[in-house]
Full PDB file with SEQRES, HELIX, SHEET, SSBOND, CRYST1, ORIGX, SCALE, CONECT and MASTER records, all heavy atoms in Angstrom:
SEQRES   1 A   38  GLU ALA ASN LEU PRO THR CYS SER LEU ASP THR LEU LYS          
SEQRES   2 A   38  ILE ALA TYR ALA THR SER ALA ALA HIS LEU GLU ASP ILE          
SEQRES   3 A   38  VAL PHE ARG VAL GLN LYS GLY LEU ASP GLY GLU GLY              
HELIX    1 AA1 LEU A    9  ALA A   15  1                                   7    
HELIX    2 AA2 ALA A   17  SER A   19  5                                   3    
HELIX    3 AA3 HIS A   22  GLU A   24  5                                   3    
HELIX    4 AA4 ILE A   26  GLN A   31  1                                   6    
CRYST1    1.000    1.000    1.000  90.00  90.00  90.00 P 1           1          
ORIGX1      1.000000  0.000000  0.000000        0.00000                         
ORIGX2      0.000000  1.000000  0.000000        0.00000                         
ORIGX3      0.000000  0.000000  1.000000        0.00000                         
SCALE1      1.000000  0.000000  0.000000        0.00000                         
SCALE2      0.000000  1.000000  0.000000        0.00000                         
SCALE3      0.000000  0.000000  1.000000        0.00000                         
ATOM      1  N   GLU A   1      -8.370   8.525  -9.933  1.00  0.00           N  
ATOM      2  CA  GLU A   1      -7.840   7.167  -9.815  1.00  0.00           C  
ATOM      3  C   GLU A   1      -7.828   6.429 -11.148  1.00  0.00           C  
ATOM      4  O   GLU A   1      -6.972   5.568 -11.374  1.00  0.00           O  
ATOM      5  CB  GLU A   1      -8.624   6.378  -8.773  1.00  0.00           C  
ATOM      6  CG  GLU A   1      -8.341   6.827  -7.352  1.00  0.00           C  
ATOM      7  CD  GLU A   1      -8.725   5.768  -6.331  1.00  0.00           C  
ATOM      8  OE1 GLU A   1      -9.459   4.822  -6.686  1.00  0.00           O  
ATOM      9  OE2 GLU A   1      -8.275   5.897  -5.178  1.00  0.00           O  
ATOM     10  N   ALA A   2      -8.762   6.759 -12.017  1.00  0.00           N  
ATOM     11  CA  ALA A   2      -8.800   6.095 -13.316  1.00  0.00           C  
ATOM     12  C   ALA A   2      -7.584   6.451 -14.166  1.00  0.00           C  
ATOM     13  O   ALA A   2      -7.256   5.737 -15.116  1.00  0.00           O  
ATOM     14  CB  ALA A   2     -10.084   6.467 -14.057  1.00  0.00           C  
ATOM     15  N   ASN A   3      -6.903   7.554 -13.819  1.00  0.00           N  
ATOM     16  CA  ASN A   3      -5.775   8.028 -14.616  1.00  0.00           C  
ATOM     17  C   ASN A   3      -4.432   7.903 -13.903  1.00  0.00           C  
ATOM     18  O   ASN A   3      -3.410   8.348 -14.438  1.00  0.00           O  
ATOM     19  CB  ASN A   3      -6.011   9.488 -15.009  1.00  0.00           C  
ATOM     20  CG  ASN A   3      -7.234   9.666 -15.876  1.00  0.00           C  
ATOM     21  OD1 ASN A   3      -7.561   8.794 -16.679  1.00  0.00           O  
ATOM     22  ND2 ASN A   3      -7.941  10.772 -15.711  1.00  0.00           N  
ATOM     23  N   LEU A   4      -4.417   7.309 -12.713  1.00  0.00           N  
ATOM     24  CA  LEU A   4      -3.164   7.113 -11.991  1.00  0.00           C  
ATOM     25  C   LEU A   4      -2.607   5.725 -12.277  1.00  0.00           C  
ATOM     26  O   LEU A   4      -3.366   4.756 -12.380  1.00  0.00           O  
ATOM     27  CB  LEU A   4      -3.384   7.246 -10.482  1.00  0.00           C  
ATOM     28  CG  LEU A   4      -3.570   8.652  -9.911  1.00  0.00           C  
ATOM     29  CD1 LEU A   4      -3.948   8.556  -8.434  1.00  0.00           C  
ATOM     30  CD2 LEU A   4      -2.294   9.483 -10.072  1.00  0.00           C  
ATOM     31  N   PRO A   5      -1.277   5.585 -12.395  1.00  0.00           N  
ATOM     32  CA  PRO A   5      -0.699   4.241 -12.478  1.00  0.00           C  
ATOM     33  C   PRO A   5      -1.021   3.459 -11.214  1.00  0.00           C  
ATOM     34  O   PRO A   5      -1.181   4.039 -10.144  1.00  0.00           O  
ATOM     35  CB  PRO A   5       0.815   4.512 -12.577  1.00  0.00           C  
ATOM     36  CG  PRO A   5       0.936   5.933 -13.019  1.00  0.00           C  
ATOM     37  CD  PRO A   5      -0.256   6.648 -12.447  1.00  0.00           C  
ATOM     38  N   THR A   6      -1.126   2.158 -11.332  1.00  0.00           N  
ATOM     39  CA  THR A   6      -1.359   1.345 -10.146  1.00  0.00           C  
ATOM     40  C   THR A   6      -0.020   0.890  -9.570  1.00  0.00           C  
ATOM     41  O   THR A   6       0.939   0.633 -10.304  1.00  0.00           O  
ATOM     42  CB  THR A   6      -2.234   0.128 -10.469  1.00  0.00           C  
ATOM     43  OG1 THR A   6      -1.652  -0.618 -11.534  1.00  0.00           O  
ATOM     44  CG2 THR A   6      -3.636   0.580 -10.841  1.00  0.00           C  
ATOM     45  N   CYS A   7       0.023   0.805  -8.236  1.00  0.00           N  
ATOM     46  CA  CYS A   7       1.260   0.500  -7.527  1.00  0.00           C  
ATOM     47  C   CYS A   7       1.130  -0.821  -6.784  1.00  0.00           C  
ATOM     48  O   CYS A   7       0.154  -1.052  -6.075  1.00  0.00           O  
ATOM     49  CB  CYS A   7       1.572   1.601  -6.505  1.00  0.00           C  
ATOM     50  SG  CYS A   7       1.714   3.237  -7.230  1.00  0.00           S  
ATOM     51  N   SER A   8       2.136  -1.653  -6.905  1.00  0.00           N  
ATOM     52  CA  SER A   8       2.179  -2.908  -6.179  1.00  0.00           C  
ATOM     53  C   SER A   8       2.581  -2.649  -4.732  1.00  0.00           C  
ATOM     54  O   SER A   8       3.059  -1.564  -4.376  1.00  0.00           O  
ATOM     55  CB  SER A   8       3.191  -3.855  -6.824  1.00  0.00           C  
ATOM     56  OG  SER A   8       4.508  -3.339  -6.650  1.00  0.00           O  
ATOM     57  N   LEU A   9       2.417  -3.655  -3.895  1.00  0.00           N  
ATOM     58  CA  LEU A   9       2.826  -3.540  -2.502  1.00  0.00           C  
ATOM     59  C   LEU A   9       4.326  -3.301  -2.401  1.00  0.00           C  
ATOM     60  O   LEU A   9       4.778  -2.501  -1.571  1.00  0.00           O  
ATOM     61  CB  LEU A   9       2.435  -4.809  -1.734  1.00  0.00           C  
ATOM     62  CG  LEU A   9       2.725  -4.814  -0.232  1.00  0.00           C  
ATOM     63  CD1 LEU A   9       2.012  -3.665   0.475  1.00  0.00           C  
ATOM     64  CD2 LEU A   9       2.310  -6.156   0.377  1.00  0.00           C  
ATOM     65  N   ASP A  10       5.120  -3.939  -3.250  1.00  0.00           N  
ATOM     66  CA  ASP A  10       6.567  -3.741  -3.215  1.00  0.00           C  
ATOM     67  C   ASP A  10       6.938  -2.291  -3.526  1.00  0.00           C  
ATOM     68  O   ASP A  10       7.848  -1.729  -2.912  1.00  0.00           O  
ATOM     69  CB  ASP A  10       7.255  -4.671  -4.225  1.00  0.00           C  
ATOM     70  CG  ASP A  10       7.277  -6.124  -3.752  1.00  0.00           C  
ATOM     71  OD1 ASP A  10       7.078  -6.355  -2.534  1.00  0.00           O  
ATOM     72  OD2 ASP A  10       7.487  -7.016  -4.594  1.00  0.00           O  
ATOM     73  N   THR A  11       6.238  -1.684  -4.472  1.00  0.00           N  
ATOM     74  CA  THR A  11       6.489  -0.285  -4.786  1.00  0.00           C  
ATOM     75  C   THR A  11       6.148   0.603  -3.605  1.00  0.00           C  
ATOM     76  O   THR A  11       6.904   1.521  -3.256  1.00  0.00           O  
ATOM     77  CB  THR A  11       5.664   0.151  -6.015  1.00  0.00           C  
ATOM     78  OG1 THR A  11       6.046  -0.636  -7.141  1.00  0.00           O  
ATOM     79  CG2 THR A  11       5.876   1.622  -6.341  1.00  0.00           C  
ATOM     80  N   LEU A  12       5.026   0.341  -2.964  1.00  0.00           N  
ATOM     81  CA  LEU A  12       4.614   1.157  -1.826  1.00  0.00           C  
ATOM     82  C   LEU A  12       5.574   1.015  -0.655  1.00  0.00           C  
ATOM     83  O   LEU A  12       5.778   1.965   0.105  1.00  0.00           O  
ATOM     84  CB  LEU A  12       3.195   0.782  -1.396  1.00  0.00           C  
ATOM     85  CG  LEU A  12       2.094   1.168  -2.387  1.00  0.00           C  
ATOM     86  CD1 LEU A  12       0.745   0.664  -1.893  1.00  0.00           C  
ATOM     87  CD2 LEU A  12       2.050   2.675  -2.600  1.00  0.00           C  
ATOM     88  N   LYS A  13       6.195  -0.132  -0.506  1.00  0.00           N  
ATOM     89  CA  LYS A  13       7.165  -0.311   0.575  1.00  0.00           C  
ATOM     90  C   LYS A  13       8.403   0.558   0.355  1.00  0.00           C  
ATOM     91  O   LYS A  13       9.074   0.960   1.307  1.00  0.00           O  
ATOM     92  CB  LYS A  13       7.575  -1.776   0.689  1.00  0.00           C  
ATOM     93  CG  LYS A  13       6.500  -2.661   1.294  1.00  0.00           C  
ATOM     94  CD  LYS A  13       6.978  -4.104   1.353  1.00  0.00           C  
ATOM     95  CE  LYS A  13       5.929  -5.018   1.926  1.00  0.00           C  
ATOM     96  NZ  LYS A  13       6.380  -6.435   1.934  1.00  0.00           N  
ATOM     97  N   ILE A  14       8.724   0.856  -0.895  1.00  0.00           N  
ATOM     98  CA  ILE A  14       9.825   1.769  -1.180  1.00  0.00           C  
ATOM     99  C   ILE A  14       9.377   3.205  -0.946  1.00  0.00           C  
ATOM    100  O   ILE A  14      10.092   4.022  -0.349  1.00  0.00           O  
ATOM    101  CB  ILE A  14      10.330   1.585  -2.622  1.00  0.00           C  
ATOM    102  CG1 ILE A  14      10.852   0.158  -2.828  1.00  0.00           C  
ATOM    103  CG2 ILE A  14      11.423   2.601  -2.951  1.00  0.00           C  
ATOM    104  CD1 ILE A  14      11.236  -0.156  -4.251  1.00  0.00           C  
ATOM    105  N   ALA A  15       8.164   3.512  -1.394  1.00  0.00           N  
ATOM    106  CA  ALA A  15       7.643   4.872  -1.212  1.00  0.00           C  
ATOM    107  C   ALA A  15       7.453   5.212   0.257  1.00  0.00           C  
ATOM    108  O   ALA A  15       7.740   6.330   0.698  1.00  0.00           O  
ATOM    109  CB  ALA A  15       6.320   5.026  -1.966  1.00  0.00           C  
ATOM    110  N   TYR A  16       6.953   4.258   1.017  1.00  0.00           N  
ATOM    111  CA  TYR A  16       6.681   4.467   2.444  1.00  0.00           C  
ATOM    112  C   TYR A  16       7.628   3.582   3.254  1.00  0.00           C  
ATOM    113  O   TYR A  16       7.208   2.690   3.989  1.00  0.00           O  
ATOM    114  CB  TYR A  16       5.223   4.141   2.751  1.00  0.00           C  
ATOM    115  CG  TYR A  16       4.248   4.970   1.963  1.00  0.00           C  
ATOM    116  CD1 TYR A  16       3.628   4.456   0.826  1.00  0.00           C  
ATOM    117  CD2 TYR A  16       3.969   6.283   2.330  1.00  0.00           C  
ATOM    118  CE1 TYR A  16       2.743   5.219   0.086  1.00  0.00           C  
ATOM    119  CE2 TYR A  16       3.080   7.049   1.590  1.00  0.00           C  
ATOM    120  CZ  TYR A  16       2.478   6.523   0.474  1.00  0.00           C  
ATOM    121  OH  TYR A  16       1.607   7.284  -0.266  1.00  0.00           O  
ATOM    122  N   ALA A  17       8.921   3.837   3.099  1.00  0.00           N  
ATOM    123  CA  ALA A  17       9.938   2.964   3.682  1.00  0.00           C  
ATOM    124  C   ALA A  17       9.796   2.830   5.195  1.00  0.00           C  
ATOM    125  O   ALA A  17       9.986   1.750   5.751  1.00  0.00           O  
ATOM    126  CB  ALA A  17      11.334   3.470   3.326  1.00  0.00           C  
ATOM    127  N   THR A  18       9.456   3.920   5.878  1.00  0.00           N  
ATOM    128  CA  THR A  18       9.356   3.862   7.341  1.00  0.00           C  
ATOM    129  C   THR A  18       8.123   3.086   7.797  1.00  0.00           C  
ATOM    130  O   THR A  18       8.027   2.723   8.969  1.00  0.00           O  
ATOM    131  CB  THR A  18       9.325   5.278   7.945  1.00  0.00           C  
ATOM    132  OG1 THR A  18       8.208   6.000   7.405  1.00  0.00           O  
ATOM    133  CG2 THR A  18      10.623   6.028   7.627  1.00  0.00           C  
ATOM    134  N   SER A  19       7.185   2.866   6.881  1.00  0.00           N  
ATOM    135  CA  SER A  19       5.968   2.117   7.224  1.00  0.00           C  
ATOM    136  C   SER A  19       5.919   0.763   6.530  1.00  0.00           C  
ATOM    137  O   SER A  19       4.865   0.133   6.475  1.00  0.00           O  
ATOM    138  CB  SER A  19       4.721   2.935   6.833  1.00  0.00           C  
ATOM    139  OG  SER A  19       4.663   4.152   7.540  1.00  0.00           O  
ATOM    140  N   ALA A  20       7.055   0.299   6.016  1.00  0.00           N  
ATOM    141  CA  ALA A  20       7.073  -0.938   5.233  1.00  0.00           C  
ATOM    142  C   ALA A  20       6.521  -2.117   6.024  1.00  0.00           C  
ATOM    143  O   ALA A  20       5.757  -2.932   5.501  1.00  0.00           O  
ATOM    144  CB  ALA A  20       8.492  -1.226   4.743  1.00  0.00           C  
ATOM    145  N   ALA A  21       6.908  -2.204   7.302  1.00  0.00           N  
ATOM    146  CA  ALA A  21       6.415  -3.320   8.122  1.00  0.00           C  
ATOM    147  C   ALA A  21       4.910  -3.226   8.328  1.00  0.00           C  
ATOM    148  O   ALA A  21       4.198  -4.235   8.279  1.00  0.00           O  
ATOM    149  CB  ALA A  21       7.132  -3.333   9.471  1.00  0.00           C  
ATOM    150  N   HIS A  22       4.405  -1.999   8.536  1.00  0.00           N  
ATOM    151  CA  HIS A  22       2.963  -1.810   8.727  1.00  0.00           C  
ATOM    152  C   HIS A  22       2.185  -2.213   7.479  1.00  0.00           C  
ATOM    153  O   HIS A  22       1.053  -2.695   7.570  1.00  0.00           O  
ATOM    154  CB  HIS A  22       2.659  -0.359   9.071  1.00  0.00           C  
ATOM    155  CG  HIS A  22       3.152   0.067  10.418  1.00  0.00           C  
ATOM    156  ND1 HIS A  22       2.821  -0.601  11.575  1.00  0.00           N  
ATOM    157  CD2 HIS A  22       3.953   1.085  10.788  1.00  0.00           C  
ATOM    158  CE1 HIS A  22       3.393  -0.013  12.601  1.00  0.00           C  
ATOM    159  NE2 HIS A  22       4.098   1.009  12.155  1.00  0.00           N  
ATOM    160  N   LEU A  23       2.790  -2.006   6.314  1.00  0.00           N  
ATOM    161  CA  LEU A  23       2.097  -2.319   5.068  1.00  0.00           C  
ATOM    162  C   LEU A  23       1.854  -3.814   4.892  1.00  0.00           C  
ATOM    163  O   LEU A  23       1.040  -4.219   4.069  1.00  0.00           O  
ATOM    164  CB  LEU A  23       2.882  -1.760   3.875  1.00  0.00           C  
ATOM    165  CG  LEU A  23       2.802  -0.239   3.693  1.00  0.00           C  
ATOM    166  CD1 LEU A  23       3.838   0.235   2.682  1.00  0.00           C  
ATOM    167  CD2 LEU A  23       1.403   0.186   3.257  1.00  0.00           C  
ATOM    168  N   GLU A  24       2.553  -4.634   5.672  1.00  0.00           N  
ATOM    169  CA  GLU A  24       2.280  -6.070   5.654  1.00  0.00           C  
ATOM    170  C   GLU A  24       0.983  -6.399   6.389  1.00  0.00           C  
ATOM    171  O   GLU A  24       0.418  -7.484   6.218  1.00  0.00           O  
ATOM    172  CB  GLU A  24       3.438  -6.833   6.308  1.00  0.00           C  
ATOM    173  CG  GLU A  24       4.743  -6.772   5.533  1.00  0.00           C  
ATOM    174  CD  GLU A  24       4.716  -7.656   4.294  1.00  0.00           C  
ATOM    175  OE1 GLU A  24       3.707  -8.354   4.069  1.00  0.00           O  
ATOM    176  OE2 GLU A  24       5.712  -7.642   3.547  1.00  0.00           O  
ATOM    177  N   ASP A  25       0.521  -5.466   7.201  1.00  0.00           N  
ATOM    178  CA  ASP A  25      -0.677  -5.656   8.032  1.00  0.00           C  
ATOM    179  C   ASP A  25      -1.916  -5.268   7.223  1.00  0.00           C  
ATOM    180  O   ASP A  25      -2.082  -4.110   6.843  1.00  0.00           O  
ATOM    181  CB  ASP A  25      -0.554  -4.789   9.283  1.00  0.00           C  
ATOM    182  CG  ASP A  25      -1.715  -4.958  10.246  1.00  0.00           C  
ATOM    183  OD1 ASP A  25      -2.729  -5.588   9.866  1.00  0.00           O  
ATOM    184  OD2 ASP A  25      -1.636  -4.430  11.356  1.00  0.00           O  
ATOM    185  N   ILE A  26      -2.777  -6.231   6.961  1.00  0.00           N  
ATOM    186  CA  ILE A  26      -3.971  -5.979   6.155  1.00  0.00           C  
ATOM    187  C   ILE A  26      -4.854  -4.917   6.799  1.00  0.00           C  
ATOM    188  O   ILE A  26      -5.413  -4.052   6.111  1.00  0.00           O  
ATOM    189  CB  ILE A  26      -4.772  -7.283   5.938  1.00  0.00           C  
ATOM    190  CG1 ILE A  26      -3.958  -8.258   5.088  1.00  0.00           C  
ATOM    191  CG2 ILE A  26      -6.118  -6.993   5.286  1.00  0.00           C  
ATOM    192  CD1 ILE A  26      -4.608  -9.612   4.908  1.00  0.00           C  
ATOM    193  N   VAL A  27      -4.991  -4.941   8.124  1.00  0.00           N  
ATOM    194  CA  VAL A  27      -5.825  -3.962   8.823  1.00  0.00           C  
ATOM    195  C   VAL A  27      -5.282  -2.548   8.600  1.00  0.00           C  
ATOM    196  O   VAL A  27      -6.040  -1.614   8.305  1.00  0.00           O  
ATOM    197  CB  VAL A  27      -5.907  -4.275  10.329  1.00  0.00           C  
ATOM    198  CG1 VAL A  27      -6.650  -3.162  11.071  1.00  0.00           C  
ATOM    199  CG2 VAL A  27      -6.601  -5.608  10.554  1.00  0.00           C  
ATOM    200  N   PHE A  28      -3.968  -2.379   8.717  1.00  0.00           N  
ATOM    201  CA  PHE A  28      -3.338  -1.076   8.484  1.00  0.00           C  
ATOM    202  C   PHE A  28      -3.592  -0.617   7.056  1.00  0.00           C  
ATOM    203  O   PHE A  28      -3.947   0.541   6.818  1.00  0.00           O  
ATOM    204  CB  PHE A  28      -1.836  -1.159   8.761  1.00  0.00           C  
ATOM    205  CG  PHE A  28      -1.080   0.105   8.451  1.00  0.00           C  
ATOM    206  CD1 PHE A  28      -1.008   1.131   9.381  1.00  0.00           C  
ATOM    207  CD2 PHE A  28      -0.443   0.259   7.227  1.00  0.00           C  
ATOM    208  CE1 PHE A  28      -0.313   2.298   9.094  1.00  0.00           C  
ATOM    209  CE2 PHE A  28       0.262   1.422   6.927  1.00  0.00           C  
ATOM    210  CZ  PHE A  28       0.328   2.453   7.866  1.00  0.00           C  
ATOM    211  N   ARG A  29      -3.404  -1.529   6.100  1.00  0.00           N  
ATOM    212  CA  ARG A  29      -3.607  -1.146   4.697  1.00  0.00           C  
ATOM    213  C   ARG A  29      -5.035  -0.668   4.463  1.00  0.00           C  
ATOM    214  O   ARG A  29      -5.256   0.351   3.794  1.00  0.00           O  
ATOM    215  CB  ARG A  29      -3.276  -2.321   3.775  1.00  0.00           C  
ATOM    216  CG  ARG A  29      -1.812  -2.698   3.752  1.00  0.00           C  
ATOM    217  CD  ARG A  29      -1.427  -3.403   2.461  1.00  0.00           C  
ATOM    218  NE  ARG A  29      -2.210  -4.602   2.189  1.00  0.00           N  
ATOM    219  CZ  ARG A  29      -1.836  -5.836   2.478  1.00  0.00           C  
ATOM    220  NH1 ARG A  29      -0.678  -6.044   3.109  1.00  0.00           N  
ATOM    221  NH2 ARG A  29      -2.594  -6.871   2.157  1.00  0.00           N  
ATOM    222  N   VAL A  30      -5.996  -1.385   4.997  1.00  0.00           N  
ATOM    223  CA  VAL A  30      -7.401  -0.996   4.808  1.00  0.00           C  
ATOM    224  C   VAL A  30      -7.651   0.374   5.429  1.00  0.00           C  
ATOM    225  O   VAL A  30      -8.349   1.219   4.846  1.00  0.00           O  
ATOM    226  CB  VAL A  30      -8.343  -2.053   5.404  1.00  0.00           C  
ATOM    227  CG1 VAL A  30      -9.786  -1.547   5.419  1.00  0.00           C  
ATOM    228  CG2 VAL A  30      -8.262  -3.347   4.601  1.00  0.00           C  
ATOM    229  N   GLN A  31      -7.097   0.622   6.612  1.00  0.00           N  
ATOM    230  CA  GLN A  31      -7.264   1.926   7.257  1.00  0.00           C  
ATOM    231  C   GLN A  31      -6.730   3.053   6.383  1.00  0.00           C  
ATOM    232  O   GLN A  31      -7.242   4.175   6.420  1.00  0.00           O  
ATOM    233  CB  GLN A  31      -6.543   1.937   8.611  1.00  0.00           C  
ATOM    234  CG  GLN A  31      -7.209   1.098   9.684  1.00  0.00           C  
ATOM    235  CD  GLN A  31      -6.381   1.018  10.938  1.00  0.00           C  
ATOM    236  OE1 GLN A  31      -5.181   1.337  10.946  1.00  0.00           O  
ATOM    237  NE2 GLN A  31      -7.006   0.602  12.036  1.00  0.00           N  
ATOM    238  N   LYS A  32      -5.694   2.765   5.594  1.00  0.00           N  
ATOM    239  CA  LYS A  32      -5.079   3.782   4.746  1.00  0.00           C  
ATOM    240  C   LYS A  32      -5.624   3.755   3.320  1.00  0.00           C  
ATOM    241  O   LYS A  32      -5.094   4.419   2.433  1.00  0.00           O  
ATOM    242  CB  LYS A  32      -3.557   3.608   4.732  1.00  0.00           C  
ATOM    243  CG  LYS A  32      -2.914   3.725   6.104  1.00  0.00           C  
ATOM    244  CD  LYS A  32      -3.317   5.010   6.820  1.00  0.00           C  
ATOM    245  CE  LYS A  32      -2.790   5.080   8.234  1.00  0.00           C  
ATOM    246  NZ  LYS A  32      -3.312   6.248   8.985  1.00  0.00           N  
ATOM    247  N   GLY A  33      -6.696   2.983   3.118  1.00  0.00           N  
ATOM    248  CA  GLY A  33      -7.367   3.000   1.818  1.00  0.00           C  
ATOM    249  C   GLY A  33      -6.880   1.960   0.832  1.00  0.00           C  
ATOM    250  O   GLY A  33      -7.257   2.004  -0.345  1.00  0.00           O  
ATOM    251  N   LEU A  34      -6.045   1.027   1.292  1.00  0.00           N  
ATOM    252  CA  LEU A  34      -5.497   0.001   0.408  1.00  0.00           C  
ATOM    253  C   LEU A  34      -6.233  -1.311   0.628  1.00  0.00           C  
ATOM    254  O   LEU A  34      -5.724  -2.236   1.246  1.00  0.00           O  
ATOM    255  CB  LEU A  34      -3.996  -0.159   0.673  1.00  0.00           C  
ATOM    256  CG  LEU A  34      -3.161   1.121   0.564  1.00  0.00           C  
ATOM    257  CD1 LEU A  34      -1.726   0.869   1.014  1.00  0.00           C  
ATOM    258  CD2 LEU A  34      -3.192   1.665  -0.864  1.00  0.00           C  
ATOM    259  N   ASP A  35      -7.439  -1.399   0.107  1.00  0.00           N  
ATOM    260  CA  ASP A  35      -8.230  -2.604   0.265  1.00  0.00           C  
ATOM    261  C   ASP A  35      -7.779  -3.661  -0.730  1.00  0.00           C  
ATOM    262  O   ASP A  35      -7.230  -3.361  -1.787  1.00  0.00           O  
ATOM    263  CB  ASP A  35      -9.715  -2.283   0.057  1.00  0.00           C  
ATOM    264  CG  ASP A  35      -9.961  -1.611  -1.278  1.00  0.00           C  
ATOM    265  OD1 ASP A  35      -9.352  -0.544  -1.515  1.00  0.00           O  
ATOM    266  OD2 ASP A  35     -10.725  -2.145  -2.099  1.00  0.00           O  
ATOM    267  N   GLY A  36      -7.997  -4.906  -0.381  1.00  0.00           N  
ATOM    268  CA  GLY A  36      -7.631  -5.992  -1.276  1.00  0.00           C  
ATOM    269  C   GLY A  36      -6.127  -6.205  -1.340  1.00  0.00           C  
ATOM    270  O   GLY A  36      -5.366  -5.747  -0.493  1.00  0.00           O  
ATOM    271  N   GLU A  37      -5.693  -6.917  -2.378  1.00  0.00           N  
ATOM    272  CA  GLU A  37      -4.281  -7.276  -2.517  1.00  0.00           C  
ATOM    273  C   GLU A  37      -3.519  -6.350  -3.464  1.00  0.00           C  
ATOM    274  O   GLU A  37      -2.327  -6.526  -3.686  1.00  0.00           O  
ATOM    275  CB  GLU A  37      -4.169  -8.725  -3.012  1.00  0.00           C  
ATOM    276  CG  GLU A  37      -4.716  -9.744  -2.029  1.00  0.00           C  
ATOM    277  CD  GLU A  37      -3.990  -9.707  -0.692  1.00  0.00           C  
ATOM    278  OE1 GLU A  37      -2.749  -9.587  -0.685  1.00  0.00           O  
ATOM    279  OE2 GLU A  37      -4.673  -9.800   0.350  1.00  0.00           O  
ATOM    280  N   GLY A  38      -4.207  -5.369  -4.058  1.00  0.00           N  
ATOM    281  CA  GLY A  38      -3.533  -4.475  -4.979  1.00  0.00           C  
ATOM    282  C   GLY A  38      -3.386  -5.106  -6.354  1.00  0.00           C  
ATOM    283  O   GLY A  38      -3.807  -6.233  -6.578  1.00  0.00           O  
TER     284      GLY A  38                                                      
MASTER        0    0    0    4    0    0    0    6  283    1    0    3          
END                                                                             
């Protein structure tokens, strides 16, 4: 993780297009390892 670029929520919505709506859900994000606001 120290060597990976960091991704904004907008970037992740493009990467995970079918889950874009779920990514707005803080609970869903935390379940998938996306704690905090990014």
